[in-house]
Amino acid sequence: MGKLTYDSTLVVDFDDRVLAHLQIVIGAKLRRNESFYFSWRDDAAVGDGRSVIWLHPSIPVFYKYHGGRVPGINRSWIEELMATANSSGGLRIVPEPPERRAVEPE
């Protein structure tokens, strides 16, 4: 399990693969100076509820991965996560779709 630390106070555990995809989406939004909500379902160990934070470019975000290897990136998942991040409800973790492959010309 990797960790996302927000504003040096909130620390949330995410699977390394999920965290890698979140890092790309969050980084893209913050690089464009865009603020947005990010919500996730809490683990049963911390109450099994739902948490929401307001991500803003001036507030530090730190990613700590458990494993040493960079997980493979699924572009289709990035697109779906980005679509939620651009919605009024903000970024939500959606199930990973199968990656679409480009069709090779014959």
PDB file of N, CA and C in Angstrom:
ATOM      1  N   MET A   1       0.828  -1.189   0.000  1.00  0.00           N
ATOM      2  CA  MET A   1       0.000   0.000   0.000  1.00  0.00           C
ATOM      3  C   MET A   1       0.866   1.245   0.000  1.00  0.00           C
ATOM      4  N   GLY A   2       0.575   2.132  -0.938  1.00  0.00           N
ATOM      5  CA  GLY A   2       1.245   3.415  -0.971  1.00  0.00           C
ATOM      6  C   GLY A   2       0.460   4.413  -0.135  1.00  0.00           C
ATOM      7  N   LYS A   3       1.027   5.590   0.026  1.00  0.00           N
ATOM      8  CA  LYS A   3       0.387   6.621   0.839  1.00  0.00           C
ATOM      9  C   LYS A   3       0.339   7.942   0.085  1.00  0.00           C
ATOM     10  N   LEU A   4      -0.807   8.607   0.189  1.00  0.00           N
ATOM     11  CA  LEU A   4      -0.962   9.957  -0.321  1.00  0.00           C
ATOM     12  C   LEU A   4      -1.058  10.848   0.915  1.00  0.00           C
ATOM     13  N   THR A   5      -0.157  11.817   1.000  1.00  0.00           N
ATOM     14  CA  THR A   5      -0.174  12.765   2.118  1.00  0.00           C
ATOM     15  C   THR A   5      -0.580  14.121   1.561  1.00  0.00           C
ATOM     16  N   TYR A   6      -1.565  14.731   2.189  1.00  0.00           N
ATOM     17  CA  TYR A   6      -2.092  16.011   1.744  1.00  0.00           C
ATOM     18  C   TYR A   6      -1.908  17.039   2.850  1.00  0.00           C
ATOM     19  N   ASP A   7      -1.250  18.133   2.529  1.00  0.00           N
ATOM     20  CA  ASP A   7      -1.043  19.232   3.474  1.00  0.00           C
ATOM     21  C   ASP A   7      -0.323  18.784   4.746  1.00  0.00           C
ATOM     22  N   SER A   8       0.519  17.782   4.649  1.00  0.00           N
ATOM     23  CA  SER A   8       1.320  17.260   5.763  1.00  0.00           C
ATOM     24  C   SER A   8       0.487  16.755   6.932  1.00  0.00           C
ATOM     25  N   THR A   9      -0.832  16.689   6.798  1.00  0.00           N
ATOM     26  CA  THR A   9      -1.667  16.266   7.916  1.00  0.00           C
ATOM     27  C   THR A   9      -2.509  15.039   7.608  1.00  0.00           C
ATOM     28  N   LEU A  10      -3.037  14.938   6.405  1.00  0.00           N
ATOM     29  CA  LEU A  10      -3.898  13.819   6.032  1.00  0.00           C
ATOM     30  C   LEU A  10      -3.064  12.784   5.304  1.00  0.00           C
ATOM     31  N   VAL A  11      -3.080  11.537   5.782  1.00  0.00           N
ATOM     32  CA  VAL A  11      -2.374  10.443   5.131  1.00  0.00           C
ATOM     33  C   VAL A  11      -3.387   9.347   4.827  1.00  0.00           C
ATOM     34  N   VAL A  12      -3.468   8.960   3.546  1.00  0.00           N
ATOM     35  CA  VAL A  12      -4.437   7.966   3.103  1.00  0.00           C
ATOM     36  C   VAL A  12      -3.701   6.864   2.357  1.00  0.00           C
ATOM     37  N   ASP A  13      -4.066   5.615   2.639  1.00  0.00           N
ATOM     38  CA  ASP A  13      -3.459   4.462   1.973  1.00  0.00           C
ATOM     39  C   ASP A  13      -4.208   4.125   0.689  1.00  0.00           C
ATOM     40  N   PHE A  14      -3.443   3.897  -0.383  1.00  0.00           N
ATOM     41  CA  PHE A  14      -3.983   3.431  -1.653  1.00  0.00           C
ATOM     42  C   PHE A  14      -3.036   2.376  -2.204  1.00  0.00           C
ATOM     43  N   ASP A  15      -3.579   1.433  -2.939  1.00  0.00           N
ATOM     44  CA  ASP A  15      -2.761   0.470  -3.658  1.00  0.00           C
ATOM     45  C   ASP A  15      -1.808   1.235  -4.581  1.00  0.00           C
ATOM     46  N   ASP A  16      -0.574   0.752  -4.730  1.00  0.00           N
ATOM     47  CA  ASP A  16       0.413   1.445  -5.561  1.00  0.00           C
ATOM     48  C   ASP A  16      -0.094   1.710  -6.977  1.00  0.00           C
ATOM     49  N   ARG A  17      -0.810   0.752  -7.559  1.00  0.00           N
ATOM     50  CA  ARG A  17      -1.310   0.923  -8.929  1.00  0.00           C
ATOM     51  C   ARG A  17      -2.334   2.057  -8.988  1.00  0.00           C
ATOM     52  N   VAL A  18      -3.244   2.092  -8.029  1.00  0.00           N
ATOM     53  CA  VAL A  18      -4.225   3.171  -7.955  1.00  0.00           C
ATOM     54  C   VAL A  18      -3.511   4.498  -7.739  1.00  0.00           C
ATOM     55  N   LEU A  19      -2.556   4.518  -6.809  1.00  0.00           N
ATOM     56  CA  LEU A  19      -1.834   5.748  -6.481  1.00  0.00           C
ATOM     57  C   LEU A  19      -1.095   6.313  -7.693  1.00  0.00           C
ATOM     58  N   ALA A  20      -0.492   5.446  -8.502  1.00  0.00           N
ATOM     59  CA  ALA A  20       0.224   5.910  -9.697  1.00  0.00           C
ATOM     60  C   ALA A  20      -0.719   6.609 -10.670  1.00  0.00           C
ATOM     61  N   HIS A  21      -1.917   6.079 -10.838  1.00  0.00           N
ATOM     62  CA  HIS A  21      -2.896   6.690 -11.734  1.00  0.00           C
ATOM     63  C   HIS A  21      -3.432   7.988 -11.144  1.00  0.00           C
ATOM     64  N   LEU A  22      -3.659   8.008  -9.834  1.00  0.00           N
ATOM     65  CA  LEU A  22      -4.096   9.238  -9.181  1.00  0.00           C
ATOM     66  C   LEU A  22      -3.042  10.333  -9.311  1.00  0.00           C
ATOM     67  N   GLN A  23      -1.776   9.973  -9.162  1.00  0.00           N
ATOM     68  CA  GLN A  23      -0.694  10.952  -9.264  1.00  0.00           C
ATOM     69  C   GLN A  23      -0.704  11.636 -10.627  1.00  0.00           C
ATOM     70  N   ILE A  24      -0.927  10.877 -11.675  1.00  0.00           N
ATOM     71  CA  ILE A  24      -0.946  11.450 -13.021  1.00  0.00           C
ATOM     72  C   ILE A  24      -2.113  12.427 -13.175  1.00  0.00           C
ATOM     73  N   VAL A  25      -3.293  12.018 -12.727  1.00  0.00           N
ATOM     74  CA  VAL A  25      -4.485  12.865 -12.883  1.00  0.00           C
ATOM     75  C   VAL A  25      -4.385  14.107 -12.000  1.00  0.00           C
ATOM     76  N   ILE A  26      -4.027  13.919 -10.744  1.00  0.00           N
ATOM     77  CA  ILE A  26      -3.900  15.056  -9.823  1.00  0.00           C
ATOM     78  C   ILE A  26      -2.819  16.012 -10.314  1.00  0.00           C
ATOM     79  N   GLY A  27      -1.694  15.469 -10.755  1.00  0.00           N
ATOM     80  CA  GLY A  27      -0.609  16.309 -11.258  1.00  0.00           C
ATOM     81  C   GLY A  27      -1.025  17.134 -12.463  1.00  0.00           C
ATOM     82  N   ALA A  28      -1.777  16.514 -13.374  1.00  0.00           N
ATOM     83  CA  ALA A  28      -2.231  17.240 -14.569  1.00  0.00           C
ATOM     84  C   ALA A  28      -3.148  18.394 -14.189  1.00  0.00           C
ATOM     85  N   LYS A  29      -4.067  18.153 -13.265  1.00  0.00           N
ATOM     86  CA  LYS A  29      -5.001  19.209 -12.856  1.00  0.00           C
ATOM     87  C   LYS A  29      -4.265  20.337 -12.120  1.00  0.00           C
ATOM     88  N   LEU A  30      -3.401  19.989 -11.184  1.00  0.00           N
ATOM     89  CA  LEU A  30      -2.708  21.011 -10.407  1.00  0.00           C
ATOM     90  C   LEU A  30      -1.709  21.788 -11.263  1.00  0.00           C
ATOM     91  N   ARG A  31      -1.108  21.126 -12.248  1.00  0.00           N
ATOM     92  CA  ARG A  31      -0.177  21.803 -13.152  1.00  0.00           C
ATOM     93  C   ARG A  31      -0.881  22.917 -13.927  1.00  0.00           C
ATOM     94  N   ARG A  32      -2.181  22.722 -14.177  1.00  0.00           N
ATOM     95  CA  ARG A  32      -2.978  23.739 -14.877  1.00  0.00           C
ATOM     96  C   ARG A  32      -3.615  24.731 -13.902  1.00  0.00           C
ATOM     97  N   ASN A  33      -3.170  24.687 -12.635  1.00  0.00           N
ATOM     98  CA  ASN A  33      -3.705  25.576 -11.589  1.00  0.00           C
ATOM     99  C   ASN A  33      -5.195  25.376 -11.356  1.00  0.00           C
ATOM    100  N   GLU A  34      -5.670  24.162 -11.513  1.00  0.00           N
ATOM    101  CA  GLU A  34      -7.073  23.851 -11.295  1.00  0.00           C
ATOM    102  C   GLU A  34      -7.270  23.236  -9.906  1.00  0.00           C
ATOM    103  N   SER A  35      -8.245  23.729  -9.176  1.00  0.00           N
ATOM    104  CA  SER A  35      -8.637  23.163  -7.893  1.00  0.00           C
ATOM    105  C   SER A  35      -9.837  22.257  -8.128  1.00  0.00           C
ATOM    106  N   PHE A  36      -9.967  21.206  -7.297  1.00  0.00           N
ATOM    107  CA  PHE A  36     -11.064  20.254  -7.488  1.00  0.00           C
ATOM    108  C   PHE A  36     -11.213  19.377  -6.249  1.00  0.00           C
ATOM    109  N   TYR A  37     -12.379  18.747  -6.146  1.00  0.00           N
ATOM    110  CA  TYR A  37     -12.623  17.779  -5.074  1.00  0.00           C
ATOM    111  C   TYR A  37     -12.033  16.431  -5.448  1.00  0.00           C
ATOM    112  N   PHE A  38     -11.629  15.681  -4.441  1.00  0.00           N
ATOM    113  CA  PHE A  38     -11.207  14.291  -4.605  1.00  0.00           C
ATOM    114  C   PHE A  38     -11.886  13.510  -3.496  1.00  0.00           C
ATOM    115  N   SER A  39     -12.667  12.493  -3.866  1.00  0.00           N
ATOM    116  CA  SER A  39     -13.361  11.687  -2.859  1.00  0.00           C
ATOM    117  C   SER A  39     -13.027  10.214  -3.047  1.00  0.00           C
ATOM    118  N   TRP A  40     -13.071   9.473  -1.962  1.00  0.00           N
ATOM    119  CA  TRP A  40     -12.798   8.037  -1.991  1.00  0.00           C
ATOM    120  C   TRP A  40     -13.576   7.373  -0.873  1.00  0.00           C
ATOM    121  N   ARG A  41     -13.746   6.083  -1.010  1.00  0.00           N
ATOM    122  CA  ARG A  41     -14.410   5.280   0.011  1.00  0.00           C
ATOM    123  C   ARG A  41     -13.348   4.856   1.017  1.00  0.00           C
ATOM    124  N   ASP A  42     -13.646   5.080   2.297  1.00  0.00           N
ATOM    125  CA  ASP A  42     -12.702   4.725   3.356  1.00  0.00           C
ATOM    126  C   ASP A  42     -12.679   3.219   3.588  1.00  0.00           C
ATOM    127  N   ASP A  43     -11.549   2.750   4.037  1.00  0.00           N
ATOM    128  CA  ASP A  43     -11.381   1.362   4.427  1.00  0.00           C
ATOM    129  C   ASP A  43     -12.211   1.088   5.679  1.00  0.00           C
ATOM    130  N   ALA A  44     -12.652  -0.140   5.836  1.00  0.00           N
ATOM    131  CA  ALA A  44     -13.448  -0.514   7.012  1.00  0.00           C
ATOM    132  C   ALA A  44     -12.694  -0.231   8.312  1.00  0.00           C
ATOM    133  N   ALA A  45     -11.369  -0.319   8.274  1.00  0.00           N
ATOM    134  CA  ALA A  45     -10.560  -0.085   9.477  1.00  0.00           C
ATOM    135  C   ALA A  45     -10.656   1.347   9.993  1.00  0.00           C
ATOM    136  N   VAL A  46     -11.050   2.282   9.119  1.00  0.00           N
ATOM    137  CA  VAL A  46     -11.163   3.685   9.548  1.00  0.00           C
ATOM    138  C   VAL A  46     -12.598   4.196   9.486  1.00  0.00           C
ATOM    139  N   GLY A  47     -13.550   3.273   9.492  1.00  0.00           N
ATOM    140  CA  GLY A  47     -14.935   3.699   9.580  1.00  0.00           C
ATOM    141  C   GLY A  47     -15.817   3.362   8.403  1.00  0.00           C
ATOM    142  N   ASP A  48     -15.237   2.893   7.302  1.00  0.00           N
ATOM    143  CA  ASP A  48     -16.009   2.446   6.149  1.00  0.00           C
ATOM    144  C   ASP A  48     -16.935   3.519   5.580  1.00  0.00           C
ATOM    145  N   GLY A  49     -16.555   4.773   5.718  1.00  0.00           N
ATOM    146  CA  GLY A  49     -17.361   5.868   5.183  1.00  0.00           C
ATOM    147  C   GLY A  49     -16.794   6.369   3.880  1.00  0.00           C
ATOM    148  N   ARG A  50     -16.913   7.676   3.671  1.00  0.00           N
ATOM    149  CA  ARG A  50     -16.402   8.317   2.464  1.00  0.00           C
ATOM    150  C   ARG A  50     -15.710   9.596   2.889  1.00  0.00           C
ATOM    151  N   SER A  51     -14.602   9.899   2.265  1.00  0.00           N
ATOM    152  CA  SER A  51     -13.854  11.121   2.557  1.00  0.00           C
ATOM    153  C   SER A  51     -13.755  11.980   1.312  1.00  0.00           C
ATOM    154  N   VAL A  52     -13.693  13.291   1.518  1.00  0.00           N
ATOM    155  CA  VAL A  52     -13.568  14.248   0.419  1.00  0.00           C
ATOM    156  C   VAL A  52     -12.582  15.327   0.838  1.00  0.00           C
ATOM    157  N   ILE A  53     -11.660  15.668  -0.068  1.00  0.00           N
ATOM    158  CA  ILE A  53     -10.755  16.798   0.169  1.00  0.00           C
ATOM    159  C   ILE A  53     -10.841  17.743  -1.019  1.00  0.00           C
ATOM    160  N   TRP A  54     -10.475  18.993  -0.779  1.00  0.00           N
ATOM    161  CA  TRP A  54     -10.395  20.008  -1.820  1.00  0.00           C
ATOM    162  C   TRP A  54      -8.923  20.136  -2.175  1.00  0.00           C
ATOM    163  N   LEU A  55      -8.569  19.742  -3.393  1.00  0.00           N
ATOM    164  CA  LEU A  55      -7.182  19.833  -3.838  1.00  0.00           C
ATOM    165  C   LEU A  55      -6.951  21.195  -4.473  1.00  0.00           C
ATOM    166  N   HIS A  56      -5.886  21.849  -4.054  1.00  0.00           N
ATOM    167  CA  HIS A  56      -5.557  23.192  -4.529  1.00  0.00           C
ATOM    168  C   HIS A  56      -4.060  23.228  -4.837  1.00  0.00           C
ATOM    169  N   PRO A  57      -3.650  23.920  -5.898  1.00  0.00           N
ATOM    170  CA  PRO A  57      -2.233  23.943  -6.285  1.00  0.00           C
ATOM    171  C   PRO A  57      -1.274  24.442  -5.199  1.00  0.00           C
ATOM    172  N   SER A  58      -1.750  25.224  -4.251  1.00  0.00           N
ATOM    173  CA  SER A  58      -0.851  25.760  -3.218  1.00  0.00           C
ATOM    174  C   SER A  58      -0.664  24.825  -2.027  1.00  0.00           C
ATOM    175  N   ILE A  59      -1.388  23.727  -2.003  1.00  0.00           N
ATOM    176  CA  ILE A  59      -1.300  22.796  -0.873  1.00  0.00           C
ATOM    177  C   ILE A  59      -0.471  21.587  -1.298  1.00  0.00           C
ATOM    178  N   PRO A  60       0.571  21.240  -0.524  1.00  0.00           N
ATOM    179  CA  PRO A  60       1.464  20.149  -0.926  1.00  0.00           C
ATOM    180  C   PRO A  60       0.797  18.774  -0.897  1.00  0.00           C
ATOM    181  N   VAL A  61       1.154  17.968  -1.902  1.00  0.00           N
ATOM    182  CA  VAL A  61       0.720  16.578  -2.001  1.00  0.00           C
ATOM    183  C   VAL A  61       1.985  15.737  -2.116  1.00  0.00           C
ATOM    184  N   PHE A  62       2.054  14.644  -1.331  1.00  0.00           N
ATOM    185  CA  PHE A  62       3.225  13.771  -1.337  1.00  0.00           C
ATOM    186  C   PHE A  62       2.758  12.345  -1.588  1.00  0.00           C
ATOM    187  N   TYR A  63       3.449  11.639  -2.492  1.00  0.00           N
ATOM    188  CA  TYR A  63       3.113  10.267  -2.832  1.00  0.00           C
ATOM    189  C   TYR A  63       4.253   9.376  -2.360  1.00  0.00           C
ATOM    190  N   LYS A  64       3.940   8.351  -1.585  1.00  0.00           N
ATOM    191  CA  LYS A  64       4.942   7.388  -1.115  1.00  0.00           C
ATOM    192  C   LYS A  64       4.477   6.003  -1.534  1.00  0.00           C
ATOM    193  N   TYR A  65       5.268   5.354  -2.377  1.00  0.00           N
ATOM    194  CA  TYR A  65       4.918   4.036  -2.888  1.00  0.00           C
ATOM    195  C   TYR A  65       5.566   2.952  -2.040  1.00  0.00           C
ATOM    196  N   HIS A  66       4.838   1.856  -1.858  1.00  0.00           N
ATOM    197  CA  HIS A  66       5.365   0.728  -1.090  1.00  0.00           C
ATOM    198  C   HIS A  66       6.410  -0.025  -1.906  1.00  0.00           C
ATOM    199  N   GLY A  67       6.098  -0.282  -3.166  1.00  0.00           N
ATOM    200  CA  GLY A  67       6.997  -1.042  -4.032  1.00  0.00           C
ATOM    201  C   GLY A  67       8.010  -0.162  -4.736  1.00  0.00           C
ATOM    202  N   GLY A  68       9.073  -0.800  -5.231  1.00  0.00           N
ATOM    203  CA  GLY A  68      10.130  -0.065  -5.901  1.00  0.00           C
ATOM    204  C   GLY A  68       9.918   0.107  -7.397  1.00  0.00           C
ATOM    205  N   ARG A  69       8.997  -0.660  -7.973  1.00  0.00           N
ATOM    206  CA  ARG A  69       8.762  -0.584  -9.420  1.00  0.00           C
ATOM    207  C   ARG A  69       7.584   0.327  -9.729  1.00  0.00           C
ATOM    208  N   VAL A  70       7.702   1.040 -10.846  1.00  0.00           N
ATOM    209  CA  VAL A  70       6.599   1.892 -11.302  1.00  0.00           C
ATOM    210  C   VAL A  70       5.544   0.979 -11.929  1.00  0.00           C
ATOM    211  N   PRO A  71       4.296   1.051 -11.452  1.00  0.00           N
ATOM    212  CA  PRO A  71       3.238   0.216 -12.045  1.00  0.00           C
ATOM    213  C   PRO A  71       2.983   0.612 -13.496  1.00  0.00           C
ATOM    214  N   GLY A  72       2.520  -0.341 -14.304  1.00  0.00           N
ATOM    215  CA  GLY A  72       2.114  -0.030 -15.670  1.00  0.00           C
ATOM    216  C   GLY A  72       0.943   0.935 -15.649  1.00  0.00           C
ATOM    217  N   ILE A  73       0.902   1.809 -16.627  1.00  0.00           N
ATOM    218  CA  ILE A  73      -0.149   2.826 -16.682  1.00  0.00           C
ATOM    219  C   ILE A  73      -1.166   2.450 -17.757  1.00  0.00           C
ATOM    220  N   ASN A  74      -2.432   2.476 -17.373  1.00  0.00           N
ATOM    221  CA  ASN A  74      -3.540   2.186 -18.277  1.00  0.00           C
ATOM    222  C   ASN A  74      -4.124   3.523 -18.728  1.00  0.00           C
ATOM    223  N   ARG A  75      -3.872   3.886 -19.978  1.00  0.00           N
ATOM    224  CA  ARG A  75      -4.338   5.180 -20.497  1.00  0.00           C
ATOM    225  C   ARG A  75      -5.865   5.306 -20.454  1.00  0.00           C
ATOM    226  N   SER A  76      -6.550   4.197 -20.656  1.00  0.00           N
ATOM    227  CA  SER A  76      -8.019   4.237 -20.597  1.00  0.00           C
ATOM    228  C   SER A  76      -8.487   4.623 -19.192  1.00  0.00           C
ATOM    229  N   TRP A  77      -7.803   4.115 -18.180  1.00  0.00           N
ATOM    230  CA  TRP A  77      -8.167   4.440 -16.805  1.00  0.00           C
ATOM    231  C   TRP A  77      -7.872   5.907 -16.501  1.00  0.00           C
ATOM    232  N   ILE A  78      -6.728   6.389 -17.002  1.00  0.00           N
ATOM    233  CA  ILE A  78      -6.387   7.807 -16.832  1.00  0.00           C
ATOM    234  C   ILE A  78      -7.502   8.674 -17.413  1.00  0.00           C
ATOM    235  N   GLU A  79      -7.972   8.336 -18.611  1.00  0.00           N
ATOM    236  CA  GLU A  79      -9.040   9.109 -19.254  1.00  0.00           C
ATOM    237  C   GLU A  79     -10.319   9.095 -18.426  1.00  0.00           C
ATOM    238  N   GLU A  80     -10.670   7.937 -17.871  1.00  0.00           N
ATOM    239  CA  GLU A  80     -11.888   7.846 -17.054  1.00  0.00           C
ATOM    240  C   GLU A  80     -11.735   8.617 -15.740  1.00  0.00           C
ATOM    241  N   LEU A  81     -10.573   8.502 -15.112  1.00  0.00           N
ATOM    242  CA  LEU A  81     -10.334   9.259 -13.874  1.00  0.00           C
ATOM    243  C   LEU A  81     -10.344  10.761 -14.153  1.00  0.00           C
ATOM    244  N   MET A  82      -9.746  11.166 -15.262  1.00  0.00           N
ATOM    245  CA  MET A  82      -9.723  12.585 -15.626  1.00  0.00           C
ATOM    246  C   MET A  82     -11.133  13.103 -15.895  1.00  0.00           C
ATOM    247  N   ALA A  83     -11.968  12.273 -16.489  1.00  0.00           N
ATOM    248  CA  ALA A  83     -13.357  12.682 -16.737  1.00  0.00           C
ATOM    249  C   ALA A  83     -14.073  12.948 -15.411  1.00  0.00           C
ATOM    250  N   THR A  84     -13.837  12.111 -14.395  1.00  0.00           N
ATOM    251  CA  THR A  84     -14.469  12.375 -13.100  1.00  0.00           C
ATOM    252  C   THR A  84     -13.886  13.634 -12.475  1.00  0.00           C
ATOM    253  N   ALA A  85     -12.579  13.832 -12.612  1.00  0.00           N
ATOM    254  CA  ALA A  85     -11.932  15.014 -12.030  1.00  0.00           C
ATOM    255  C   ALA A  85     -12.458  16.300 -12.649  1.00  0.00           C
ATOM    256  N   ASN A  86     -12.854  16.235 -13.909  1.00  0.00           N
ATOM    257  CA  ASN A  86     -13.378  17.415 -14.606  1.00  0.00           C
ATOM    258  C   ASN A  86     -14.874  17.619 -14.382  1.00  0.00           C
ATOM    259  N   SER A  87     -15.502  16.725 -13.644  1.00  0.00           N
ATOM    260  CA  SER A  87     -16.936  16.855 -13.369  1.00  0.00           C
ATOM    261  C   SER A  87     -17.159  17.698 -12.115  1.00  0.00           C
ATOM    262  N   SER A  88     -18.402  18.107 -11.906  1.00  0.00           N
ATOM    263  CA  SER A  88     -18.711  18.921 -10.715  1.00  0.00           C
ATOM    264  C   SER A  88     -18.531  18.137  -9.426  1.00  0.00           C
ATOM    265  N   GLY A  89     -18.621  16.817  -9.471  1.00  0.00           N
ATOM    266  CA  GLY A  89     -18.428  15.995  -8.276  1.00  0.00           C
ATOM    267  C   GLY A  89     -16.974  15.770  -7.931  1.00  0.00           C
ATOM    268  N   GLY A  90     -16.073  16.020  -8.874  1.00  0.00           N
ATOM    269  CA  GLY A  90     -14.646  15.873  -8.624  1.00  0.00           C
ATOM    270  C   GLY A  90     -14.130  14.462  -8.868  1.00  0.00           C
ATOM    271  N   LEU A  91     -12.844  14.309  -8.631  1.00  0.00           N
ATOM    272  CA  LEU A  91     -12.140  13.046  -8.866  1.00  0.00           C
ATOM    273  C   LEU A  91     -12.671  11.952  -7.956  1.00  0.00           C
ATOM    274  N   ARG A  92     -13.026  10.824  -8.552  1.00  0.00           N
ATOM    275  CA  ARG A  92     -13.444   9.630  -7.829  1.00  0.00           C
ATOM    276  C   ARG A  92     -12.699   8.447  -8.418  1.00  0.00           C
ATOM    277  N   ILE A  93     -12.417   7.471  -7.598  1.00  0.00           N
ATOM    278  CA  ILE A  93     -11.758   6.263  -8.086  1.00  0.00           C
ATOM    279  C   ILE A  93     -12.827   5.364  -8.691  1.00  0.00           C
ATOM    280  N   VAL A  94     -12.694   5.132  -9.985  1.00  0.00           N
ATOM    281  CA  VAL A  94     -13.619   4.266 -10.717  1.00  0.00           C
ATOM    282  C   VAL A  94     -12.889   2.963 -11.033  1.00  0.00           C
ATOM    283  N   PRO A  95     -13.634   1.882 -11.281  1.00  0.00           N
ATOM    284  CA  PRO A  95     -12.975   0.609 -11.601  1.00  0.00           C
ATOM    285  C   PRO A  95     -12.082   0.735 -12.831  1.00  0.00           C
ATOM    286  N   GLU A  96     -10.978   0.015 -12.803  1.00  0.00           N
ATOM    287  CA  GLU A  96     -10.058   0.055 -13.942  1.00  0.00           C
ATOM    288  C   GLU A  96     -10.653  -0.681 -15.131  1.00  0.00           C
ATOM    289  N   PRO A  97     -10.769   0.013 -16.272  1.00  0.00           N
ATOM    290  CA  PRO A  97     -11.294  -0.645 -17.480  1.00  0.00           C
ATOM    291  C   PRO A  97     -10.166  -1.394 -18.187  1.00  0.00           C
ATOM    292  N   PRO A  98     -10.535  -2.307 -19.087  1.00  0.00           N
ATOM    293  CA  PRO A  98      -9.488  -2.912 -19.910  1.00  0.00           C
ATOM    294  C   PRO A  98      -8.852  -1.821 -20.766  1.00  0.00           C
ATOM    295  N   GLU A  99      -7.570  -1.935 -21.000  1.00  0.00           N
ATOM    296  CA  GLU A  99      -6.897  -0.913 -21.806  1.00  0.00           C
ATOM    297  C   GLU A  99      -7.243  -1.127 -23.271  1.00  0.00           C
ATOM    298  N   ARG A 100      -7.624  -0.028 -23.912  1.00  0.00           N
ATOM    299  CA  ARG A 100      -7.915  -0.096 -25.342  1.00  0.00           C
ATOM    300  C   ARG A 100      -6.585  -0.125 -26.093  1.00  0.00           C
ATOM    301  N   ARG A 101      -6.484  -1.025 -27.000  1.00  0.00           N
ATOM    302  CA  ARG A 101      -5.277  -1.140 -27.832  1.00  0.00           C
ATOM    303  C   ARG A 101      -5.550  -0.548 -29.207  1.00  0.00           C
ATOM    304  N   ALA A 102      -4.569   0.140 -29.732  1.00  0.00           N
ATOM    305  CA  ALA A 102      -4.702   0.668 -31.095  1.00  0.00           C
ATOM    306  C   ALA A 102      -4.700  -0.505 -32.075  1.00  0.00           C
ATOM    307  N   VAL A 103      -5.569  -0.435 -33.060  1.00  0.00           N
ATOM    308  CA  VAL A 103      -5.640  -1.484 -34.071  1.00  0.00           C
ATOM    309  C   VAL A 103      -4.509  -1.260 -35.057  1.00  0.00           C
ATOM    310  N   GLU A 104      -3.733  -2.307 -35.277  1.00  0.00           N
ATOM    311  CA  GLU A 104      -2.621  -2.225 -36.224  1.00  0.00           C
ATOM    312  C   GLU A 104      -3.150  -2.249 -37.650  1.00  0.00           C
ATOM    313  N   PRO A 105      -2.669  -1.366 -38.532  1.00  0.00           N
ATOM    314  CA  PRO A 105      -3.106  -1.419 -39.942  1.00  0.00           C
ATOM    315  C   PRO A 105      -2.589  -2.697 -40.594  1.00  0.00           C
ATOM    316  N   GLU A 106      -3.410  -3.235 -41.479  1.00  0.00           N
ATOM    317  CA  GLU A 106      -3.022  -4.489 -42.159  1.00  0.00           C
ATOM    318  C   GLU A 106      -2.128  -4.238 -43.324  1.00  0.00           C
TER     319      GLU A 106
END
